[in-house]
């Protein structure tokens, strides 16, 4: 189905991993439409680079990067499709992408470990009293 390709779901899952430990009171209630669009376009770019069967970047350096100049048009077009997704389709996409969370076994950051254990990383305890 639409946006259900394994490569898109796997790439989209990286975003889902990043927001996994965001406290519920600050999480967005909206679907991560931009993240899905960017994941889709990133996969398109990767497929384009592999189109010959061998990974090949364009020769011109300015065309080698994933920049808004090169990819904003494609991203906006994909966003038009993403904006038409029903709540039911979103549920299917999110459920399928969740299967990829942790698939690459990233080492958890200090922030993730602290969040999982209900601890603070140190940023929340930074304080310097006024001396004036």
Protein backbone atom coordinates (compact mmCIF):
# COMPACT_ATOMS: atom_id res chain seq x y z
CA UNK A 1 0.00 0.00 0.00
CA UNK A 2 0.83 3.65 -0.12
CA UNK A 3 3.92 4.52 2.00
CA UNK A 4 4.19 0.87 3.08
CA UNK A 5 7.43 -0.03 1.30
CA UNK A 6 9.94 -1.59 3.69
CA UNK A 7 12.57 1.04 2.89
CA UNK A 8 10.16 3.90 3.65
CA UNK A 9 8.95 2.28 6.87
CA UNK A 10 12.51 1.54 8.00
CA UNK A 11 13.61 5.12 7.33
CA UNK A 12 10.47 6.57 8.96
CA UNK A 13 11.17 4.41 12.03
CA UNK A 14 14.34 6.39 12.72
CA UNK A 15 12.13 9.43 13.40
CA UNK A 16 9.79 7.35 15.55
CA UNK A 17 12.79 6.14 17.59
CA UNK A 18 13.88 9.72 18.19
CA UNK A 19 10.52 10.79 19.60
CA UNK A 20 9.86 7.58 21.52
CA UNK A 21 10.89 9.07 24.86
CA UNK A 22 9.41 12.53 24.44
CA UNK A 23 7.13 13.12 27.43
CA UNK A 24 3.45 12.67 26.56
CA UNK A 25 2.55 16.19 27.70
CA UNK A 26 4.77 17.75 25.01
CA UNK A 27 4.20 15.26 22.20
CA UNK A 28 2.37 16.47 19.15
CA UNK A 29 -1.13 15.07 18.75
CA UNK A 30 -0.83 15.33 14.99
CA UNK A 31 0.51 12.68 12.66
CA UNK A 32 4.22 13.12 11.77
CA UNK A 33 3.39 14.06 8.18
CA UNK A 34 6.64 15.89 7.43
CA UNK A 35 8.74 13.03 8.80
CA UNK A 36 6.90 10.55 6.56
CA UNK A 37 7.33 12.80 3.53
CA UNK A 38 11.06 13.28 4.20
CA UNK A 39 11.55 9.54 4.72
CA UNK A 40 9.80 8.86 1.42
CA UNK A 41 11.88 11.40 -0.50
CA UNK A 42 15.10 10.20 1.16
CA UNK A 43 14.32 6.69 -0.08
CA UNK A 44 13.60 8.08 -3.55
CA UNK A 45 17.01 9.77 -3.50
CA UNK A 46 18.71 6.55 -2.39
CA UNK A 47 16.98 4.57 -5.14
CA UNK A 48 18.03 7.19 -7.67
CA UNK A 49 21.66 6.82 -6.53
CA UNK A 50 21.39 3.04 -6.97
CA UNK A 51 19.50 3.19 -10.30
CA UNK A 52 22.41 1.69 -12.26
CA UNK A 53 22.78 -1.21 -9.84
CA UNK A 54 25.83 0.45 -8.31
CA UNK A 55 25.79 3.31 -5.82
CA UNK A 56 26.73 6.46 -7.69
CA UNK A 57 26.44 10.06 -6.56
CA UNK A 58 26.10 12.78 -9.17
CA UNK A 59 29.49 14.08 -10.30
CA UNK A 60 28.67 17.68 -9.43
CA UNK A 61 29.25 18.20 -5.70
CA UNK A 62 26.28 20.55 -5.30
CA UNK A 63 23.94 17.77 -6.50
CA UNK A 64 25.25 15.21 -4.01
CA UNK A 65 23.59 16.58 -0.90
CA UNK A 66 20.06 16.16 0.40
CA UNK A 67 19.18 19.86 0.38
CA UNK A 68 15.95 21.81 0.23
CA UNK A 69 17.10 23.35 -3.04
CA UNK A 70 17.20 19.91 -4.66
CA UNK A 71 14.42 18.10 -2.83
CA UNK A 72 11.81 20.63 -1.62
CA UNK A 73 9.69 20.26 -4.77
CA UNK A 74 9.56 16.47 -4.43
CA UNK A 75 8.93 16.74 -0.69
CA UNK A 76 6.04 19.16 -1.19
CA UNK A 77 4.51 16.84 -3.79
CA UNK A 78 4.76 13.89 -1.40
CA UNK A 79 3.26 16.05 1.37
CA UNK A 80 0.19 16.56 -0.82
CA UNK A 81 -0.31 12.79 -0.81
CA UNK A 82 0.50 12.49 2.90
CA UNK A 83 -2.11 15.14 3.69
CA UNK A 84 -4.77 12.93 2.08
CA UNK A 85 -4.07 9.93 4.33
CA UNK A 86 -6.96 8.79 6.47
CA UNK A 87 -6.64 8.06 10.18
CA UNK A 88 -6.99 4.37 9.33
CA UNK A 89 -4.12 4.51 6.81
CA UNK A 90 -1.96 6.38 9.35
CA UNK A 91 -2.64 3.65 11.90
CA UNK A 92 -1.46 1.01 9.41
CA UNK A 93 1.68 2.98 8.52
CA UNK A 94 2.59 3.63 12.16
CA UNK A 95 1.96 0.00 13.12
CA UNK A 96 4.13 -1.24 10.25
CA UNK A 97 6.91 1.29 10.98
CA UNK A 98 6.93 0.31 14.66
CA UNK A 99 8.22 -3.10 13.57
CA UNK A 100 11.47 -1.38 12.53
CA UNK A 101 12.04 0.53 15.76
CA UNK A 102 15.31 -0.69 17.24
CA UNK A 103 16.08 -2.79 14.16
CA UNK A 104 19.50 -1.22 13.82
CA UNK A 105 20.29 -1.54 17.52
CA UNK A 106 21.55 1.99 18.09
CA UNK A 107 23.40 2.56 21.33
CA UNK A 108 21.03 4.54 23.54
CA UNK A 109 22.13 8.07 24.30
CA UNK A 110 22.45 9.34 27.85
CA UNK A 111 19.20 11.25 27.31
CA UNK A 112 17.33 8.09 26.30
CA UNK A 113 18.68 6.09 29.24
CA UNK A 114 17.74 8.87 31.67
CA UNK A 115 14.26 9.18 30.18
CA UNK A 116 13.68 5.42 30.35
CA UNK A 117 14.75 5.33 34.01
CA UNK A 118 12.78 8.44 34.96
CA UNK A 119 15.97 10.31 35.82
CA UNK A 120 17.20 13.74 34.79
CA UNK A 121 20.26 14.12 32.59
CA UNK A 122 21.62 17.11 34.43
CA UNK A 123 20.18 19.86 32.26
CA UNK A 124 17.13 20.18 34.49
CA UNK A 125 19.28 20.70 37.57
CA UNK A 126 21.42 23.50 36.17
CA UNK A 127 21.06 26.50 38.44
CA UNK A 128 23.21 29.42 39.41
CA UNK A 129 21.91 31.78 42.09
CA UNK A 130 22.17 35.49 41.51
CA UNK A 131 25.09 37.03 43.37
CA UNK A 132 23.85 40.59 43.09
